[in-house]
Amino acid sequence: MEIRQVRYFVMVAQTGSFSQAAKELFISQSTLSQQIQQLENEVGVKLLERNTRKVTLSEYGQEFLPYAKNLIYDAEACLGSIMDVRNMATGKLVIGVTYTFSSVMVDVLKEFIRDYPGIRLSIRTALMEELMDMLERNEIDLALSYDPGHKYDNIESTELFRSSICVIARDTHPLAQKVSISLEELSRLKLALPVSGMQARDKFDSVLAEKGIKMNIAVEVNDMQILQKLVRDTELVTVFSRNAIKNSVGLKALEIENIQGETVGCCHTIKGRYKSIAAREFIRRLRESYYFSNALEKAADVAQRL
């Protein structure tokens, strides 16, 4: 059995077509058919069911597919580990990131590109559930998101930082002169909030439910860029993680008085899967960046109160 044949089988299984798979692999359809036939002869069973319209997996093919994917990934990881020995002079790192998390990794991303020009980075933005699926399909090396709130059996989550939930207003808003705000005062303002399901919103809702306070919600948004633009251009304020505006201009974060609420930023990887030096270095830089950033923010808050 050759790795090439296994890779060909996986591509046919994913596309459901010999012709499409041949295009993706840049080989002729006849060559592809011959290689698949040789693979089936070697394992002694039919892996694919062929008809005039499409190709489907046989019962044996369905059983073989996950092992085939792991075999390909392990082979690529082996090559990647050899590249690692070359001091990260070459290689590729594929990072998945949620829409709400993307802005907080920009500084680390810029530094990494500067320090390791030979590493080609690929950034994929998607919803958290989509990122978890991409991890399981070996399409990304790591995923960055806020804590999903529940565990995945084959995914391990490493905490990167904790960030307090704050009120966010434009820096020319009357509130911008304040250091903190009470929930009662906040309830008299119009809010633009992230939609339910985002960690900061869910944490905030649990605080409100516990204290029996209702807010005047004017709009709910699932896009951080739109949410920040609304806050920056209007009198609306929002509630979000302090880290969410780390690289944003024209916004001010205010502490919410007498509440315990924070978001947890995480890096997710597949349990037991090899992590390249590039992946480990990127994760290390993220953790250090947030540690020092949070320390500076706390120092600034203390100084502002003095």
C-alpha atoms as a PDB file:
ATOM      1  CA  MET A   1       0.000   0.000   0.000  1.00  0.00           C
ATOM      2  CA  GLU A   2       1.397   3.378  -1.009  1.00  0.00           C
ATOM      3  CA  ILE A   3       0.627   6.738   0.585  1.00  0.00           C
ATOM      4  CA  ARG A   4      -0.097   8.092  -2.887  1.00  0.00           C
ATOM      5  CA  GLN A   5      -2.829   5.497  -3.452  1.00  0.00           C
ATOM      6  CA  VAL A   6      -4.383   6.219  -0.064  1.00  0.00           C
ATOM      7  CA  ARG A   7      -4.391   9.950  -0.855  1.00  0.00           C
ATOM      8  CA  TYR A   8      -6.086   9.220  -4.190  1.00  0.00           C
ATOM      9  CA  PHE A   9      -8.763   7.145  -2.437  1.00  0.00           C
ATOM     10  CA  VAL A  10      -9.490   9.924   0.060  1.00  0.00           C
ATOM     11  CA  MET A  11      -9.835  12.502  -2.712  1.00  0.00           C
ATOM     12  CA  VAL A  12     -12.307  10.315  -4.635  1.00  0.00           C
ATOM     13  CA  ALA A  13     -14.272   9.713  -1.422  1.00  0.00           C
ATOM     14  CA  GLN A  14     -14.428  13.467  -0.714  1.00  0.00           C
ATOM     15  CA  THR A  15     -15.410  14.532  -4.234  1.00  0.00           C
ATOM     16  CA  GLY A  16     -17.607  11.536  -5.110  1.00  0.00           C
ATOM     17  CA  SER A  17     -16.183  11.669  -8.622  1.00  0.00           C
ATOM     18  CA  PHE A  18     -13.175  10.199 -10.413  1.00  0.00           C
ATOM     19  CA  SER A  19     -13.067  13.061 -12.905  1.00  0.00           C
ATOM     20  CA  GLN A  20     -13.191  15.769 -10.224  1.00  0.00           C
ATOM     21  CA  ALA A  21     -10.652  13.945  -8.065  1.00  0.00           C
ATOM     22  CA  ALA A  22      -8.301  13.623 -11.046  1.00  0.00           C
ATOM     23  CA  LYS A  23      -8.539  17.389 -11.614  1.00  0.00           C
ATOM     24  CA  GLU A  24      -7.798  18.114  -7.963  1.00  0.00           C
ATOM     25  CA  LEU A  25      -4.812  15.744  -8.030  1.00  0.00           C
ATOM     26  CA  PHE A  26      -3.510  16.949 -11.433  1.00  0.00           C
ATOM     27  CA  ILE A  27      -3.411  13.433 -12.873  1.00  0.00           C
ATOM     28  CA  SER A  28      -5.338  11.650 -15.632  1.00  0.00           C
ATOM     29  CA  GLN A  29      -8.548   9.852 -14.795  1.00  0.00           C
ATOM     30  CA  SER A  30      -7.153   6.571 -16.145  1.00  0.00           C
ATOM     31  CA  THR A  31      -4.108   6.806 -13.880  1.00  0.00           C
ATOM     32  CA  LEU A  32      -6.369   7.491 -10.907  1.00  0.00           C
ATOM     33  CA  SER A  33      -8.587   4.493 -11.716  1.00  0.00           C
ATOM     34  CA  GLN A  34      -5.556   2.207 -12.045  1.00  0.00           C
ATOM     35  CA  GLN A  35      -4.118   3.312  -8.700  1.00  0.00           C
ATOM     36  CA  ILE A  36      -7.440   2.837  -6.899  1.00  0.00           C
ATOM     37  CA  GLN A  37      -7.807  -0.603  -8.482  1.00  0.00           C
ATOM     38  CA  GLN A  38      -4.325  -1.563  -7.275  1.00  0.00           C
ATOM     39  CA  LEU A  39      -5.224  -0.389  -3.757  1.00  0.00           C
ATOM     40  CA  GLU A  40      -8.419  -2.452  -3.772  1.00  0.00           C
ATOM     41  CA  ASN A  41      -6.528  -5.503  -5.051  1.00  0.00           C
ATOM     42  CA  GLU A  42      -4.010  -5.151  -2.240  1.00  0.00           C
ATOM     43  CA  VAL A  43      -6.557  -4.829   0.569  1.00  0.00           C
ATOM     44  CA  GLY A  44      -8.685  -7.531  -1.021  1.00  0.00           C
ATOM     45  CA  VAL A  45     -12.035  -5.728  -0.922  1.00  0.00           C
ATOM     46  CA  LYS A  46     -13.945  -3.187  -2.996  1.00  0.00           C
ATOM     47  CA  LEU A  47     -13.661   0.258  -1.388  1.00  0.00           C
ATOM     48  CA  LEU A  48     -15.764   2.203  -3.886  1.00  0.00           C
ATOM     49  CA  GLU A  49     -19.112   1.572  -5.557  1.00  0.00           C
ATOM     50  CA  ARG A  50     -19.100   2.901  -9.102  1.00  0.00           C
ATOM     51  CA  ASN A  51     -22.026   3.761 -11.350  1.00  0.00           C
ATOM     52  CA  THR A  52     -22.619   6.062 -14.315  1.00  0.00           C
ATOM     53  CA  ARG A  53     -23.608   9.044 -12.135  1.00  0.00           C
ATOM     54  CA  LYS A  54     -21.396   9.047  -9.055  1.00  0.00           C
ATOM     55  CA  VAL A  55     -18.979   7.138  -6.876  1.00  0.00           C
ATOM     56  CA  THR A  56     -19.911   6.138  -3.336  1.00  0.00           C
ATOM     57  CA  LEU A  57     -18.117   4.345  -0.536  1.00  0.00           C
ATOM     58  CA  SER A  58     -18.737   0.664  -0.011  1.00  0.00           C
ATOM     59  CA  GLU A  59     -19.195  -0.616   3.527  1.00  0.00           C
ATOM     60  CA  TYR A  60     -15.474  -1.441   3.557  1.00  0.00           C
ATOM     61  CA  GLY A  61     -14.671   2.009   2.182  1.00  0.00           C
ATOM     62  CA  GLN A  62     -16.630   3.709   4.949  1.00  0.00           C
ATOM     63  CA  GLU A  63     -14.648   1.751   7.521  1.00  0.00           C
ATOM     64  CA  PHE A  64     -11.329   2.454   5.803  1.00  0.00           C
ATOM     65  CA  LEU A  65     -11.795   6.213   5.203  1.00  0.00           C
ATOM     66  CA  PRO A  66     -11.025   7.583   8.726  1.00  0.00           C
ATOM     67  CA  TYR A  67      -7.898   5.416   8.942  1.00  0.00           C
ATOM     68  CA  ALA A  68      -6.849   6.591   5.494  1.00  0.00           C
ATOM     69  CA  LYS A  69      -7.203  10.241   6.540  1.00  0.00           C
ATOM     70  CA  ASN A  70      -5.148   9.649   9.682  1.00  0.00           C
ATOM     71  CA  LEU A  71      -2.497   7.849   7.668  1.00  0.00           C
ATOM     72  CA  ILE A  72      -2.146  10.805   5.307  1.00  0.00           C
ATOM     73  CA  TYR A  73      -2.041  13.275   8.177  1.00  0.00           C
ATOM     74  CA  ASP A  74       0.623  11.257  10.026  1.00  0.00           C
ATOM     75  CA  ALA A  75       2.748  11.084   6.878  1.00  0.00           C
ATOM     76  CA  GLU A  76       2.481  14.861   6.399  1.00  0.00           C
ATOM     77  CA  ALA A  77       3.201  15.418  10.101  1.00  0.00           C
ATOM     78  CA  CYS A  78       6.331  13.295   9.748  1.00  0.00           C
ATOM     79  CA  LEU A  79       7.524  15.486   6.879  1.00  0.00           C
ATOM     80  CA  GLY A  80       6.579  18.537   8.918  1.00  0.00           C
ATOM     81  CA  SER A  81       8.672  17.359  11.868  1.00  0.00           C
ATOM     82  CA  ILE A  82      11.658  16.986   9.538  1.00  0.00           C
ATOM     83  CA  MET A  83      11.098  20.551   8.345  1.00  0.00           C
ATOM     84  CA  ASP A  84      10.973  21.651  11.979  1.00  0.00           C
ATOM     85  CA  VAL A  85      14.558  20.526  12.394  1.00  0.00           C
ATOM     86  CA  ARG A  86      15.452  23.130   9.788  1.00  0.00           C
ATOM     87  CA  ASN A  87      14.772  25.860  12.379  1.00  0.00           C
ATOM     88  CA  MET A  88      11.435  26.900  10.908  1.00  0.00           C
ATOM     89  CA  ALA A  89      13.088  28.055   7.692  1.00  0.00           C
ATOM     90  CA  THR A  90      10.179  26.627   5.717  1.00  0.00           C
ATOM     91  CA  GLY A  91       6.741  25.201   6.422  1.00  0.00           C
ATOM     92  CA  LYS A  92       3.065  26.013   6.676  1.00  0.00           C
ATOM     93  CA  LEU A  93       0.739  26.753   9.574  1.00  0.00           C
ATOM     94  CA  VAL A  94      -3.039  26.788   9.094  1.00  0.00           C
ATOM     95  CA  ILE A  95      -4.932  28.656  11.817  1.00  0.00           C
ATOM     96  CA  GLY A  96      -8.685  28.761  12.258  1.00  0.00           C
ATOM     97  CA  VAL A  97     -10.134  31.702  14.166  1.00  0.00           C
ATOM     98  CA  THR A  98     -13.635  32.857  15.082  1.00  0.00           C
ATOM     99  CA  TYR A  99     -14.899  36.250  13.904  1.00  0.00           C
ATOM    100  CA  THR A 100     -14.908  37.678  17.440  1.00  0.00           C
ATOM    101  CA  PHE A 101     -11.411  36.424  18.185  1.00  0.00           C
ATOM    102  CA  SER A 102      -9.649  37.533  15.009  1.00  0.00           C
ATOM    103  CA  SER A 103      -8.909  41.101  16.101  1.00  0.00           C
ATOM    104  CA  VAL A 104      -7.086  40.046  19.271  1.00  0.00           C
ATOM    105  CA  MET A 105      -4.432  37.985  17.424  1.00  0.00           C
ATOM    106  CA  VAL A 106      -3.324  40.637  14.932  1.00  0.00           C
ATOM    107  CA  ASP A 107      -0.240  41.824  16.859  1.00  0.00           C
ATOM    108  CA  VAL A 108       1.082  38.298  17.348  1.00  0.00           C
ATOM    109  CA  LEU A 109       0.359  37.497  13.704  1.00  0.00           C
ATOM    110  CA  LYS A 110       2.384  40.490  12.491  1.00  0.00           C
ATOM    111  CA  GLU A 111       5.333  39.615  14.745  1.00  0.00           C
ATOM    112  CA  PHE A 112       5.288  35.969  13.675  1.00  0.00           C
ATOM    113  CA  ILE A 113       5.335  36.905   9.983  1.00  0.00           C
ATOM    114  CA  ARG A 114       8.256  39.245  10.640  1.00  0.00           C
ATOM    115  CA  ASP A 115      10.308  36.722  12.637  1.00  0.00           C
ATOM    116  CA  TYR A 116       9.604  33.632  10.520  1.00  0.00           C
ATOM    117  CA  PRO A 117       9.313  34.744   6.888  1.00  0.00           C
ATOM    118  CA  GLY A 118       9.787  31.174   5.656  1.00  0.00           C
ATOM    119  CA  ILE A 119       6.598  29.931   7.346  1.00  0.00           C
ATOM    120  CA  ARG A 120       3.527  30.352   5.161  1.00  0.00           C
ATOM    121  CA  LEU A 121       0.499  31.198   7.284  1.00  0.00           C
ATOM    122  CA  SER A 122      -3.071  30.474   6.241  1.00  0.00           C
ATOM    123  CA  ILE A 123      -5.860  32.049   8.305  1.00  0.00           C
ATOM    124  CA  ARG A 124      -9.390  30.611   8.079  1.00  0.00           C
ATOM    125  CA  THR A 125     -12.232  32.563   9.724  1.00  0.00           C
ATOM    126  CA  ALA A 126     -15.389  30.666  10.653  1.00  0.00           C
ATOM    127  CA  LEU A 127     -17.898  29.990  13.407  1.00  0.00           C
ATOM    128  CA  MET A 128     -16.603  27.982  16.351  1.00  0.00           C
ATOM    129  CA  GLU A 129     -18.599  24.846  15.485  1.00  0.00           C
ATOM    130  CA  GLU A 130     -17.226  24.974  11.946  1.00  0.00           C
ATOM    131  CA  LEU A 131     -13.680  25.311  13.281  1.00  0.00           C
ATOM    132  CA  MET A 132     -14.106  22.210  15.443  1.00  0.00           C
ATOM    133  CA  ASP A 133     -15.228  20.257  12.363  1.00  0.00           C
ATOM    134  CA  MET A 134     -12.255  21.611  10.397  1.00  0.00           C
ATOM    135  CA  LEU A 135      -9.913  20.445  13.158  1.00  0.00           C
ATOM    136  CA  GLU A 136     -11.363  16.930  13.046  1.00  0.00           C
ATOM    137  CA  ARG A 137     -11.004  16.848   9.250  1.00  0.00           C
ATOM    138  CA  ASN A 138      -7.325  17.903   9.554  1.00  0.00           C
ATOM    139  CA  GLU A 139      -8.019  21.071   7.555  1.00  0.00           C
ATOM    140  CA  ILE A 140      -6.466  23.362  10.185  1.00  0.00           C
ATOM    141  CA  ASP A 141      -3.623  22.909  12.673  1.00  0.00           C
ATOM    142  CA  LEU A 142      -5.207  24.848  15.517  1.00  0.00           C
ATOM    143  CA  ALA A 143      -8.349  26.846  16.268  1.00  0.00           C
ATOM    144  CA  LEU A 144      -8.662  30.071  18.263  1.00  0.00           C
ATOM    145  CA  SER A 145     -11.932  31.003  19.930  1.00  0.00           C
ATOM    146  CA  TYR A 146     -13.478  31.917  23.219  1.00  0.00           C
ATOM    147  CA  ASP A 147     -14.301  28.986  25.508  1.00  0.00           C
ATOM    148  CA  PRO A 148     -17.088  26.968  23.817  1.00  0.00           C
ATOM    149  CA  GLY A 149     -18.653  26.162  27.191  1.00  0.00           C
ATOM    150  CA  HIS A 150     -18.632  22.400  26.606  1.00  0.00           C
ATOM    151  CA  LYS A 151     -15.995  19.762  25.967  1.00  0.00           C
ATOM    152  CA  TYR A 152     -15.231  17.868  22.753  1.00  0.00           C
ATOM    153  CA  ASP A 153     -14.068  14.274  23.248  1.00  0.00           C
ATOM    154  CA  ASN A 154     -11.078  14.422  20.897  1.00  0.00           C
ATOM    155  CA  ILE A 155     -10.193  18.129  21.199  1.00  0.00           C
ATOM    156  CA  GLU A 156      -8.044  19.658  23.918  1.00  0.00           C
ATOM    157  CA  SER A 157      -8.404  23.327  24.820  1.00  0.00           C
ATOM    158  CA  THR A 158      -5.530  25.402  26.188  1.00  0.00           C
ATOM    159  CA  GLU A 159      -6.419  28.599  28.020  1.00  0.00           C
ATOM    160  CA  LEU A 160      -4.657  31.637  26.586  1.00  0.00           C
ATOM    161  CA  PHE A 161      -6.120  34.450  28.657  1.00  0.00           C
ATOM    162  CA  ARG A 162      -8.995  35.657  30.763  1.00  0.00           C
ATOM    163  CA  SER A 163     -10.529  39.011  29.992  1.00  0.00           C
ATOM    164  CA  SER A 164     -13.103  40.937  31.979  1.00  0.00           C
ATOM    165  CA  ILE A 165     -16.482  41.829  30.498  1.00  0.00           C
ATOM    166  CA  CYS A 166     -16.684  45.600  30.067  1.00  0.00           C
ATOM    167  CA  VAL A 167     -18.922  48.300  28.688  1.00  0.00           C
ATOM    168  CA  ILE A 168     -17.515  49.569  25.393  1.00  0.00           C
ATOM    169  CA  ALA A 169     -18.265  53.129  24.226  1.00  0.00           C
ATOM    170  CA  ARG A 170     -16.724  55.505  21.698  1.00  0.00           C
ATOM    171  CA  ASP A 171     -13.936  57.599  23.167  1.00  0.00           C
ATOM    172  CA  THR A 172     -15.950  60.824  22.720  1.00  0.00           C
ATOM    173  CA  HIS A 173     -19.039  59.422  24.448  1.00  0.00           C
ATOM    174  CA  PRO A 174     -19.987  61.146  27.743  1.00  0.00           C
ATOM    175  CA  LEU A 175     -19.218  57.836  29.472  1.00  0.00           C
ATOM    176  CA  ALA A 176     -15.623  57.908  28.247  1.00  0.00           C
ATOM    177  CA  GLN A 177     -14.643  60.166  31.174  1.00  0.00           C
ATOM    178  CA  LYS A 178     -15.642  57.451  33.630  1.00  0.00           C
ATOM    179  CA  VAL A 179     -13.612  54.478  34.827  1.00  0.00           C
ATOM    180  CA  SER A 180     -16.593  52.290  35.708  1.00  0.00           C
ATOM    181  CA  ILE A 181     -20.365  52.132  35.407  1.00  0.00           C
ATOM    182  CA  SER A 182     -23.126  50.461  37.425  1.00  0.00           C
ATOM    183  CA  LEU A 183     -25.699  48.087  35.944  1.00  0.00           C
ATOM    184  CA  GLU A 184     -28.456  50.490  36.974  1.00  0.00           C
ATOM    185  CA  GLU A 185     -26.849  53.336  35.025  1.00  0.00           C
ATOM    186  CA  LEU A 186     -26.228  51.026  32.085  1.00  0.00           C
ATOM    187  CA  SER A 187     -29.902  50.020  32.024  1.00  0.00           C
ATOM    188  CA  ARG A 188     -30.824  53.631  31.170  1.00  0.00           C
ATOM    189  CA  LEU A 189     -28.728  53.580  27.988  1.00  0.00           C
ATOM    190  CA  LYS A 190     -29.398  52.072  24.573  1.00  0.00           C
ATOM    191  CA  LEU A 191     -27.284  49.001  23.896  1.00  0.00           C
ATOM    192  CA  ALA A 192     -25.989  47.245  20.808  1.00  0.00           C
ATOM    193  CA  LEU A 193     -25.139  43.732  21.969  1.00  0.00           C
ATOM    194  CA  PRO A 194     -23.569  40.625  20.453  1.00  0.00           C
ATOM    195  CA  VAL A 195     -26.130  37.917  19.750  1.00  0.00           C
ATOM    196  CA  SER A 196     -26.884  35.147  22.232  1.00  0.00           C
ATOM    197  CA  GLY A 197     -24.429  32.286  21.931  1.00  0.00           C
ATOM    198  CA  MET A 198     -21.364  34.509  22.026  1.00  0.00           C
ATOM    199  CA  GLN A 199     -19.552  33.979  25.300  1.00  0.00           C
ATOM    200  CA  ALA A 200     -19.552  37.610  26.467  1.00  0.00           C
ATOM    201  CA  ARG A 201     -23.295  37.946  25.787  1.00  0.00           C
ATOM    202  CA  ASP A 202     -24.121  34.711  27.595  1.00  0.00           C
ATOM    203  CA  LYS A 203     -22.029  35.737  30.619  1.00  0.00           C
ATOM    204  CA  PHE A 204     -23.691  39.155  30.682  1.00  0.00           C
ATOM    205  CA  ASP A 205     -27.182  37.644  30.406  1.00  0.00           C
ATOM    206  CA  SER A 206     -26.474  35.335  33.355  1.00  0.00           C
ATOM    207  CA  VAL A 207     -25.438  38.343  35.475  1.00  0.00           C
ATOM    208  CA  LEU A 208     -28.611  40.224  34.533  1.00  0.00           C
ATOM    209  CA  ALA A 209     -30.791  37.200  35.318  1.00  0.00           C
ATOM    210  CA  GLU A 210     -29.133  36.801  38.713  1.00  0.00           C
ATOM    211  CA  LYS A 211     -29.637  40.471  39.612  1.00  0.00           C
ATOM    212  CA  GLY A 212     -33.068  40.792  38.002  1.00  0.00           C
ATOM    213  CA  ILE A 213     -32.105  43.740  35.792  1.00  0.00           C
ATOM    214  CA  LYS A 214     -33.334  44.347  32.237  1.00  0.00           C
ATOM    215  CA  MET A 215     -31.461  46.275  29.569  1.00  0.00           C
ATOM    216  CA  ASN A 216     -32.652  48.523  26.731  1.00  0.00           C
ATOM    217  CA  ILE A 217     -31.350  46.533  23.764  1.00  0.00           C
ATOM    218  CA  ALA A 218     -31.655  48.463  20.511  1.00  0.00           C
ATOM    219  CA  VAL A 219     -29.886  45.955  18.229  1.00  0.00           C
ATOM    220  CA  GLU A 220     -28.145  42.567  18.332  1.00  0.00           C
ATOM    221  CA  VAL A 221     -25.223  41.843  15.992  1.00  0.00           C
ATOM    222  CA  ASN A 222     -23.169  38.718  15.275  1.00  0.00           C
ATOM    223  CA  ASP A 223     -20.358  40.589  13.498  1.00  0.00           C
ATOM    224  CA  MET A 224     -17.731  42.349  15.633  1.00  0.00           C
ATOM    225  CA  GLN A 225     -16.765  44.847  12.927  1.00  0.00           C
ATOM    226  CA  ILE A 226     -20.377  45.980  12.498  1.00  0.00           C
ATOM    227  CA  LEU A 227     -20.848  46.103  16.266  1.00  0.00           C
ATOM    228  CA  GLN A 228     -17.758  48.237  16.780  1.00  0.00           C
ATOM    229  CA  LYS A 229     -18.728  50.581  13.942  1.00  0.00           C
ATOM    230  CA  LEU A 230     -22.184  51.099  15.457  1.00  0.00           C
ATOM    231  CA  VAL A 231     -20.643  51.962  18.823  1.00  0.00           C
ATOM    232  CA  ARG A 232     -17.972  54.174  17.259  1.00  0.00           C
ATOM    233  CA  ASP A 233     -20.464  56.150  15.118  1.00  0.00           C
ATOM    234  CA  THR A 234     -23.464  56.445  17.467  1.00  0.00           C
ATOM    235  CA  GLU A 235     -24.453  56.931  21.106  1.00  0.00           C
ATOM    236  CA  LEU A 236     -24.981  53.170  21.456  1.00  0.00           C
ATOM    237  CA  VAL A 237     -22.749  51.226  23.849  1.00  0.00           C
ATOM    238  CA  THR A 238     -22.021  47.518  23.978  1.00  0.00           C
ATOM    239  CA  VAL A 239     -20.840  44.892  26.433  1.00  0.00           C
ATOM    240  CA  PHE A 240     -17.925  42.721  25.446  1.00  0.00           C
ATOM    241  CA  SER A 241     -14.554  41.325  26.427  1.00  0.00           C
ATOM    242  CA  ARG A 242     -11.896  43.975  27.042  1.00  0.00           C
ATOM    243  CA  ASN A 243      -9.562  42.081  24.718  1.00  0.00           C
ATOM    244  CA  ALA A 244     -12.062  42.397  21.872  1.00  0.00           C
ATOM    245  CA  ILE A 245     -11.058  46.059  21.359  1.00  0.00           C
ATOM    246  CA  LYS A 246      -7.338  45.460  21.854  1.00  0.00           C
ATOM    247  CA  ASN A 247      -6.485  46.733  18.363  1.00  0.00           C
ATOM    248  CA  SER A 248      -9.476  49.038  17.891  1.00  0.00           C
ATOM    249  CA  VAL A 249      -9.210  52.818  17.567  1.00  0.00           C
ATOM    250  CA  GLY A 250     -11.743  55.252  18.992  1.00  0.00           C
ATOM    251  CA  LEU A 251     -13.229  52.970  21.653  1.00  0.00           C
ATOM    252  CA  LYS A 252     -13.045  53.018  25.463  1.00  0.00           C
ATOM    253  CA  ALA A 253     -13.620  50.136  27.916  1.00  0.00           C
ATOM    254  CA  LEU A 254     -15.328  50.780  31.265  1.00  0.00           C
ATOM    255  CA  GLU A 255     -15.438  48.323  34.138  1.00  0.00           C
ATOM    256  CA  ILE A 256     -18.902  47.158  35.215  1.00  0.00           C
ATOM    257  CA  GLU A 257     -19.271  47.639  38.956  1.00  0.00           C
ATOM    258  CA  ASN A 258     -19.955  44.754  41.327  1.00  0.00           C
ATOM    259  CA  ILE A 259     -20.057  41.895  38.833  1.00  0.00           C
ATOM    260  CA  GLN A 260     -17.831  38.870  38.331  1.00  0.00           C
ATOM    261  CA  GLY A 261     -17.783  38.167  34.623  1.00  0.00           C
ATOM    262  CA  GLU A 262     -14.968  37.290  32.257  1.00  0.00           C
ATOM    263  CA  THR A 263     -14.377  35.568  28.954  1.00  0.00           C
ATOM    264  CA  VAL A 264     -11.782  32.859  28.413  1.00  0.00           C
ATOM    265  CA  GLY A 265      -9.729  32.799  25.209  1.00  0.00           C
ATOM    266  CA  CYS A 266      -8.605  29.321  24.137  1.00  0.00           C
ATOM    267  CA  CYS A 267      -6.497  27.495  21.596  1.00  0.00           C
ATOM    268  CA  HIS A 268      -7.970  24.167  20.440  1.00  0.00           C
ATOM    269  CA  THR A 269      -6.039  21.235  18.964  1.00  0.00           C
ATOM    270  CA  ILE A 270      -6.690  17.534  18.393  1.00  0.00           C
ATOM    271  CA  LYS A 271      -5.647  15.348  21.344  1.00  0.00           C
ATOM    272  CA  GLY A 272      -2.499  13.368  20.689  1.00  0.00           C
ATOM    273  CA  ARG A 273      -1.854  14.967  17.308  1.00  0.00           C
ATOM    274  CA  TYR A 274       1.661  16.159  16.570  1.00  0.00           C
ATOM    275  CA  LYS A 275       2.111  19.928  16.964  1.00  0.00           C
ATOM    276  CA  SER A 276       4.755  21.468  14.764  1.00  0.00           C
ATOM    277  CA  ILE A 277       7.338  23.841  16.209  1.00  0.00           C
ATOM    278  CA  ALA A 278       5.592  26.632  14.311  1.00  0.00           C
ATOM    279  CA  ALA A 279       2.263  25.821  16.002  1.00  0.00           C
ATOM    280  CA  ARG A 280       3.856  25.592  19.449  1.00  0.00           C
ATOM    281  CA  GLU A 281       5.696  28.865  18.927  1.00  0.00           C
ATOM    282  CA  PHE A 282       2.555  30.676  17.766  1.00  0.00           C
ATOM    283  CA  ILE A 283       0.622  29.423  20.816  1.00  0.00           C
ATOM    284  CA  ARG A 284       3.462  30.446  23.145  1.00  0.00           C
ATOM    285  CA  ARG A 285       3.521  33.945  21.698  1.00  0.00           C
ATOM    286  CA  LEU A 286      -0.239  34.275  22.063  1.00  0.00           C
ATOM    287  CA  ARG A 287      -0.111  33.330  25.736  1.00  0.00           C
ATOM    288  CA  GLU A 288       2.764  35.704  26.482  1.00  0.00           C
ATOM    289  CA  SER A 289       1.154  38.542  24.534  1.00  0.00           C
ATOM    290  CA  TYR A 290      -2.086  38.315  26.498  1.00  0.00           C
ATOM    291  CA  TYR A 291      -0.285  37.912  29.808  1.00  0.00           C
ATOM    292  CA  PHE A 292       1.682  41.146  29.374  1.00  0.00           C
ATOM    293  CA  SER A 293      -1.259  42.941  27.765  1.00  0.00           C
ATOM    294  CA  ASN A 294      -3.553  42.124  30.679  1.00  0.00           C
ATOM    295  CA  ALA A 295      -0.855  43.108  33.177  1.00  0.00           C
ATOM    296  CA  LEU A 296      -0.448  46.507  31.506  1.00  0.00           C
ATOM    297  CA  GLU A 297      -4.221  47.062  31.419  1.00  0.00           C
ATOM    298  CA  LYS A 298      -4.520  46.294  35.139  1.00  0.00           C
ATOM    299  CA  ALA A 299      -1.670  48.671  35.910  1.00  0.00           C
ATOM    300  CA  ALA A 300      -3.350  51.401  33.823  1.00  0.00           C
ATOM    301  CA  ASP A 301      -6.667  50.854  35.644  1.00  0.00           C
ATOM    302  CA  VAL A 302      -4.942  51.196  39.014  1.00  0.00           C
ATOM    303  CA  ALA A 303      -3.132  54.346  37.884  1.00  0.00           C
ATOM    304  CA  GLN A 304      -6.385  55.877  36.632  1.00  0.00           C
ATOM    305  CA  ARG A 305      -8.011  55.338  40.024  1.00  0.00           C
ATOM    306  CA  LEU A 306      -5.163  57.040  41.923  1.00  0.00           C
END
